[in-house]
Amino acid sequence: MAVKILIADDDPDIRDILKIILSEENYEVIEASDGEEALKLIKTKSPDLVLLDYKMPKLDGFQVCKEIKQDLLLQHLPIIVVTGKGELEDKLQGIGAGADDYIVKPFEPKELLARIRMVLRRTERDLEANPLTRLPGNVSILNELSKRLEKKTVFSVCYLDLDKFKAYNDKYGFEHGDEVIRETARLLIKVVKEFGNPDDFIGHIGGDDFVIITSPSVVDIICQNIIEAFERISPNFYNEEDRKKGYIITKDRKGNEEKVPLLSISIGVVSNEHRRIEHVAQIGEIGAELKNLAKRLERSNYVKDKRRDF
């Protein structure tokens, strides 16, 4: 898959030059002509890197950079600020706002490409992430679980996914579905930050499946707050008519109409507090089983493993 780079610059000539340079290296290019458009595209198109002009209308590079770095889902997105010659204050402000690097206009294509490669390499090394939410993906999840097993840490692992998500996607389309997933990720980060431990871990397995690794002492309060928050925001994903009804009409495999309730969240909680867990696959198997049990209950719910070995 081609690396996607957003060029945010109000000068169309600069955008054209950058597009030619980047396209020749097989980068996929998205363009924005002001700061507001840049932010919108960052949130909807999930670029891998942003080339951000410092002086732009509506929102300048400093404001865009600051907003990106304050967003829990976007803070890992690499940014290279493009400034005019001698504008030292801009460079310092850009770095202060969280930019990863800067380059001065006019620039040599070779230098620009070298800086892009360096920043991308650094980001890839720091974060193997799901492209939609920027949360750590499967490799990081497996590494984190393995690390905790090796250290013999007492842990609780929450496996979470959304109920009725396929029906929602079918009716509202993938763009709305992606937004639901991003909002769910934001919610998980917020709750874990507020109620969890400093070393808790949140990962995105893919689709509407997430993982939280925490401790037994806080797992209940985390699950309860996730459920409460999700039930509160779930109606906002629907149009007014569906929201009022409390369901959507879809067709099953045989073509029959059926009423599908609004989105809810199911959580299966695995812990080694009272039972022996020897390998990562075991955690996944127990988690899937518990999550399926939670799905059989009404609305959002969580199910903990009550079985004990000791």
Protein backbone atom coordinates (compact mmCIF):
# COMPACT_ATOMS: atom_id res chain seq x y z
CA MET A 1 0.00 0.00 0.00
CA ALA A 2 1.39 3.41 -1.00
CA VAL A 3 2.38 5.82 1.76
CA LYS A 4 -0.14 8.68 1.87
CA ILE A 5 1.19 12.23 2.31
CA LEU A 6 -0.94 15.32 2.85
CA ILE A 7 0.44 18.57 1.41
CA ALA A 8 -1.10 21.55 3.21
CA ASP A 9 -0.12 24.80 1.49
CA ASP A 10 -2.13 27.78 0.22
CA ASP A 11 0.25 28.25 -2.75
CA PRO A 12 -0.94 26.03 -5.66
CA ASP A 13 2.49 26.26 -7.35
CA ILE A 14 4.24 24.87 -4.25
CA ARG A 15 1.63 22.09 -4.03
CA ASP A 16 2.24 21.21 -7.70
CA ILE A 17 6.03 21.07 -7.20
CA LEU A 18 5.66 18.90 -4.09
CA LYS A 19 3.16 16.65 -5.82
CA ILE A 20 5.57 16.02 -8.72
CA ILE A 21 8.47 15.27 -6.35
CA LEU A 22 6.40 12.90 -4.19
CA SER A 23 4.54 11.16 -7.03
CA GLU A 24 7.86 10.27 -8.67
CA GLU A 25 8.69 8.35 -5.48
CA ASN A 26 5.28 6.60 -5.63
CA TYR A 27 3.83 8.43 -2.63
CA GLU A 28 0.07 8.93 -2.73
CA VAL A 29 -0.65 12.67 -2.44
CA ILE A 30 -3.61 14.51 -0.89
CA GLU A 31 -3.83 18.31 -1.05
CA ALA A 32 -5.25 21.00 1.22
CA SER A 33 -5.19 24.75 0.52
CA ASP A 34 -5.77 25.98 4.08
CA GLY A 35 -5.52 24.84 7.70
CA GLU A 36 -9.20 23.98 8.13
CA GLU A 37 -9.23 21.77 5.03
CA ALA A 38 -5.99 20.14 6.22
CA LEU A 39 -7.55 19.19 9.57
CA LYS A 40 -10.66 17.82 7.88
CA LEU A 41 -8.59 15.64 5.50
CA ILE A 42 -6.34 14.44 8.33
CA LYS A 43 -9.42 13.23 10.22
CA THR A 44 -11.11 11.59 7.22
CA LYS A 45 -8.30 10.39 4.93
CA SER A 46 -5.78 9.15 7.55
CA PRO A 47 -2.51 10.29 5.90
CA ASP A 48 0.79 8.73 7.00
CA LEU A 49 2.61 12.08 7.08
CA VAL A 50 1.77 15.79 6.76
CA LEU A 51 3.85 18.44 4.97
CA LEU A 52 2.50 21.55 6.65
CA ASP A 53 3.10 25.10 5.42
CA TYR A 54 3.49 27.44 8.38
CA LYS A 55 1.66 30.49 6.98
CA MET A 56 -1.83 29.48 5.81
CA PRO A 57 -5.29 31.07 5.87
CA LYS A 58 -8.07 30.07 8.32
CA LEU A 59 -5.72 28.09 10.57
CA ASP A 60 -1.95 28.49 10.40
CA GLY A 61 0.55 25.65 10.67
CA PHE A 62 1.06 26.21 14.40
CA GLN A 63 -2.68 25.89 15.13
CA VAL A 64 -3.07 22.80 12.92
CA CYS A 65 -0.04 21.16 14.51
CA LYS A 66 -1.26 21.93 18.02
CA GLU A 67 -4.73 20.53 17.30
CA ILE A 68 -3.31 17.32 15.81
CA LYS A 69 -1.04 16.71 18.78
CA GLN A 70 -3.91 17.30 21.25
CA ASP A 71 -6.10 14.69 19.54
CA LEU A 72 -5.52 11.32 21.21
CA LEU A 73 -6.00 9.48 17.91
CA LEU A 74 -3.78 11.75 15.83
CA GLN A 75 -0.93 12.63 18.17
CA HIS A 76 1.41 10.04 16.60
CA LEU A 77 0.92 11.46 13.07
CA PRO A 78 4.31 12.73 11.81
CA ILE A 79 4.44 16.39 10.71
CA ILE A 80 7.13 18.21 8.75
CA VAL A 81 6.66 21.99 8.90
CA VAL A 82 7.59 23.95 5.75
CA THR A 83 8.77 27.51 6.55
CA GLY A 84 10.22 30.48 4.70
CA LYS A 85 13.93 31.21 4.74
CA GLY A 86 15.16 32.75 7.96
CA GLU A 87 11.86 32.38 9.85
CA LEU A 88 13.53 30.95 12.94
CA GLU A 89 10.57 31.76 15.22
CA ASP A 90 8.25 29.69 12.98
CA LYS A 91 10.57 26.71 13.15
CA LEU A 92 10.82 26.91 16.93
CA GLN A 93 7.05 27.36 17.34
CA GLY A 94 6.40 24.42 14.99
CA ILE A 95 8.73 22.13 16.93
CA GLY A 96 7.21 23.43 20.18
CA ALA A 97 3.72 22.55 18.90
CA GLY A 98 4.83 18.97 18.25
CA ALA A 99 6.17 18.96 14.68
CA ASP A 100 8.70 16.17 14.03
CA ASP A 101 10.93 18.16 11.66
CA TYR A 102 11.02 21.27 9.47
CA ILE A 103 12.36 22.18 6.05
CA VAL A 104 13.07 25.65 4.67
CA LYS A 105 11.79 26.95 1.31
CA PRO A 106 13.28 26.82 -1.29
CA PHE A 107 14.34 23.22 -0.68
CA GLU A 108 16.25 20.59 -2.60
CA PRO A 109 14.02 17.64 -3.62
CA LYS A 110 16.68 15.18 -2.38
CA GLU A 111 16.79 16.80 1.06
CA LEU A 112 12.98 16.81 1.32
CA LEU A 113 12.74 13.11 0.38
CA ALA A 114 15.53 12.20 2.82
CA ARG A 115 13.72 14.00 5.66
CA ILE A 116 10.40 12.33 4.77
CA ARG A 117 12.03 8.87 4.76
CA MET A 118 13.76 9.56 8.09
CA VAL A 119 10.55 10.76 9.83
CA LEU A 120 8.52 7.84 8.42
CA ARG A 121 11.17 5.33 9.55
CA ARG A 122 11.23 6.83 13.02
CA THR A 123 7.43 6.76 13.27
CA GLU A 124 7.19 3.19 12.00
CA ARG A 125 9.74 2.11 14.55
CA ASP A 126 7.95 3.92 17.37
CA LEU A 127 4.44 2.82 16.48
CA GLU A 128 3.18 -0.15 14.53
CA ALA A 129 -0.34 1.25 14.32
CA ASN A 130 -3.79 0.62 12.92
CA PRO A 131 -4.13 3.15 10.05
CA LEU A 132 -7.68 4.14 11.02
CA THR A 133 -7.23 4.88 14.73
CA ARG A 134 -3.42 5.08 15.04
CA LEU A 135 -3.69 2.75 18.01
CA PRO A 136 -1.09 -0.03 18.28
CA GLY A 137 -1.99 -3.00 16.06
CA ASN A 138 -1.69 -6.78 16.31
CA VAL A 139 2.11 -7.03 16.52
CA SER A 140 2.21 -4.57 19.43
CA ILE A 141 -0.74 -6.29 21.13
CA LEU A 142 0.98 -9.70 20.97
CA ASN A 143 4.27 -8.21 22.22
CA GLU A 144 2.52 -6.50 25.14
CA LEU A 145 0.67 -9.67 26.17
CA SER A 146 3.86 -11.76 25.86
CA LYS A 147 5.78 -9.25 27.96
CA ARG A 148 3.21 -9.42 30.77
CA LEU A 149 3.15 -13.23 30.69
CA GLU A 150 6.97 -13.39 30.85
CA LYS A 151 7.08 -10.97 33.78
CA LYS A 152 4.31 -12.97 35.51
CA THR A 153 2.34 -9.75 35.98
CA VAL A 154 -1.23 -10.08 37.26
CA PHE A 155 -3.38 -8.61 34.47
CA SER A 156 -6.89 -8.24 33.09
CA VAL A 157 -7.39 -8.19 29.33
CA CYS A 158 -10.59 -6.69 27.92
CA TYR A 159 -11.67 -7.80 24.44
CA LEU A 160 -14.19 -5.29 23.08
CA ASP A 161 -16.29 -5.10 19.98
CA LEU A 162 -19.40 -3.35 18.70
CA ASP A 163 -22.74 -5.16 18.39
CA LYS A 164 -24.79 -4.73 15.18
CA PHE A 165 -21.88 -2.92 13.49
CA LYS A 166 -22.30 -4.72 10.15
CA ALA A 167 -25.96 -3.67 9.93
CA TYR A 168 -24.94 -0.08 10.74
CA ASN A 169 -22.23 -0.14 8.04
CA ASP A 170 -24.68 -1.56 5.48
CA LYS A 171 -27.18 1.23 6.10
CA TYR A 172 -24.94 4.25 6.76
CA GLY A 173 -21.86 3.36 4.68
CA PHE A 174 -18.18 2.82 5.42
CA GLU A 175 -17.28 6.47 6.04
CA HIS A 176 -19.80 6.69 8.89
CA GLY A 177 -18.65 3.25 10.08
CA ASP A 178 -15.03 4.47 10.19
CA GLU A 179 -16.11 7.51 12.20
CA VAL A 180 -17.87 5.23 14.73
CA ILE A 181 -14.63 3.23 15.12
CA ARG A 182 -12.57 6.41 15.59
CA GLU A 183 -15.02 7.77 18.18
CA THR A 184 -14.97 4.42 20.00
CA ALA A 185 -11.17 4.56 20.10
CA ARG A 186 -11.30 8.11 21.52
CA LEU A 187 -13.77 6.97 24.17
CA LEU A 188 -11.54 4.02 25.21
CA ILE A 189 -8.47 6.26 25.48
CA LYS A 190 -10.37 8.85 27.55
CA VAL A 191 -11.80 6.27 29.99
CA VAL A 192 -8.51 4.40 30.45
CA LYS A 193 -6.66 7.68 30.96
CA GLU A 194 -9.16 8.72 33.65
CA PHE A 195 -9.72 5.42 35.49
CA GLY A 196 -6.83 3.15 34.51
CA ASN A 197 -3.15 2.79 35.43
CA PRO A 198 -0.29 4.73 33.81
CA ASP A 199 1.04 1.55 32.13
CA ASP A 200 -2.34 0.34 30.76
CA PHE A 201 -2.35 -0.57 27.07
CA ILE A 202 -5.00 0.01 24.37
CA GLY A 203 -4.75 -1.78 21.02
CA HIS A 204 -6.85 -1.98 17.86
CA ILE A 205 -7.06 -5.55 16.52
CA GLY A 206 -8.90 -4.33 13.41
CA GLY A 207 -12.44 -3.45 12.31
CA ASP A 208 -14.54 -2.87 15.41
CA ASP A 209 -12.35 -5.04 17.69
CA PHE A 210 -10.20 -3.51 20.45
CA VAL A 211 -8.08 -4.70 23.39
CA ILE A 212 -7.34 -3.06 26.74
CA ILE A 213 -4.68 -4.53 29.05
CA THR A 214 -5.06 -3.32 32.62
CA SER A 215 -5.09 -4.65 36.20
CA PRO A 216 -7.87 -6.50 38.08
CA SER A 217 -8.09 -3.61 40.59
CA VAL A 218 -9.48 -1.14 38.02
CA VAL A 219 -10.97 -3.38 35.31
CA ASP A 220 -14.55 -3.13 36.62
CA ILE A 221 -14.59 0.65 36.77
CA ILE A 222 -13.03 0.84 33.28
CA CYS A 223 -15.66 -1.51 31.79
CA GLN A 224 -18.54 0.23 33.57
CA ASN A 225 -17.46 3.67 32.36
CA ILE A 226 -16.87 2.48 28.79
CA ILE A 227 -20.38 0.99 28.71
CA GLU A 228 -21.97 4.08 30.23
CA ALA A 229 -20.13 6.43 27.82
CA PHE A 230 -20.84 4.28 24.75
CA GLU A 231 -24.57 4.05 25.56
CA ARG A 232 -24.58 7.83 25.84
CA ILE A 233 -22.90 8.50 22.46
CA SER A 234 -24.38 5.62 20.45
CA PRO A 235 -27.61 7.45 19.43
CA ASN A 236 -25.53 10.32 17.98
CA PHE A 237 -24.32 8.02 15.17
CA TYR A 238 -27.85 7.85 13.71
CA ASN A 239 -30.20 10.21 11.90
CA GLU A 240 -33.09 11.68 13.86
CA GLU A 241 -35.66 9.20 12.55
CA ASP A 242 -33.63 6.11 13.51
CA ARG A 243 -32.63 7.67 16.80
CA LYS A 244 -36.26 8.23 17.78
CA LYS A 245 -37.26 4.70 16.76
CA GLY A 246 -34.30 3.16 18.58
CA TYR A 247 -33.57 0.75 15.71
CA ILE A 248 -32.86 0.54 11.98
CA ILE A 249 -34.57 -1.61 9.37
CA THR A 250 -32.27 -3.94 7.42
CA LYS A 251 -32.70 -7.14 5.41
CA ASP A 252 -31.43 -10.53 6.54
CA ARG A 253 -29.77 -13.08 4.23
CA LYS A 254 -33.15 -14.30 2.99
CA GLY A 255 -34.25 -10.77 2.12
CA ASN A 256 -36.65 -10.44 5.04
CA GLU A 257 -36.82 -7.09 6.83
CA GLU A 258 -35.66 -7.04 10.44
CA LYS A 259 -35.38 -4.42 13.19
CA VAL A 260 -31.78 -4.00 14.34
CA PRO A 261 -31.17 -2.17 17.66
CA LEU A 262 -28.77 0.77 17.94
CA LEU A 263 -25.05 0.03 18.32
CA SER A 264 -23.88 -1.31 21.67
CA ILE A 265 -20.53 -2.60 22.98
CA SER A 266 -19.64 -6.05 24.36
CA ILE A 267 -16.60 -6.76 26.53
CA GLY A 268 -15.05 -10.07 27.56
CA VAL A 269 -12.56 -9.84 30.44
CA VAL A 270 -9.76 -12.41 30.83
CA SER A 271 -7.53 -12.43 33.93
CA ASN A 272 -4.75 -14.53 35.40
CA GLU A 273 -5.68 -13.38 38.91
CA HIS A 274 -7.30 -16.72 39.82
CA ARG A 275 -6.27 -19.01 36.97
CA ARG A 276 -3.11 -20.03 35.17
CA ILE A 277 -2.58 -18.54 31.73
CA GLU A 278 0.51 -19.87 29.99
CA HIS A 279 0.41 -18.42 26.46
CA VAL A 280 -1.05 -15.57 24.40
CA ALA A 281 -3.33 -17.82 22.31
CA GLN A 282 -5.07 -18.94 25.51
CA ILE A 283 -5.91 -15.30 26.35
CA GLY A 284 -7.44 -14.82 22.89
CA GLU A 285 -9.53 -18.00 23.09
CA ILE A 286 -10.95 -17.18 26.53
CA GLY A 287 -11.55 -13.56 25.47
CA ALA A 288 -13.53 -14.59 22.37
CA GLU A 289 -15.65 -16.97 24.43
CA LEU A 290 -16.46 -14.34 27.07
CA LYS A 291 -17.17 -11.66 24.48
CA ASN A 292 -19.70 -13.98 22.79
CA LEU A 293 -21.40 -14.47 26.17
CA ALA A 294 -21.60 -10.68 26.61
CA LYS A 295 -23.16 -10.36 23.15
CA ARG A 296 -26.07 -12.57 24.22
CA LEU A 297 -27.03 -10.07 26.91
CA GLU A 298 -29.19 -6.99 26.29
CA ARG A 299 -27.43 -3.79 25.18
CA SER A 300 -23.86 -3.00 26.25
CA ASN A 301 -22.39 -5.44 28.75
CA TYR A 302 -19.22 -7.03 30.06
CA VAL A 303 -18.54 -10.59 31.21
CA LYS A 304 -15.60 -11.59 33.43
CA ASP A 305 -14.11 -15.06 33.63
CA LYS A 306 -15.20 -16.43 37.02
CA ARG A 307 -13.41 -19.80 36.70
CA ARG A 308 -10.60 -20.44 39.22
CA ASP A 309 -7.57 -22.72 39.25
CA PHE A 310 -6.36 -21.49 42.65
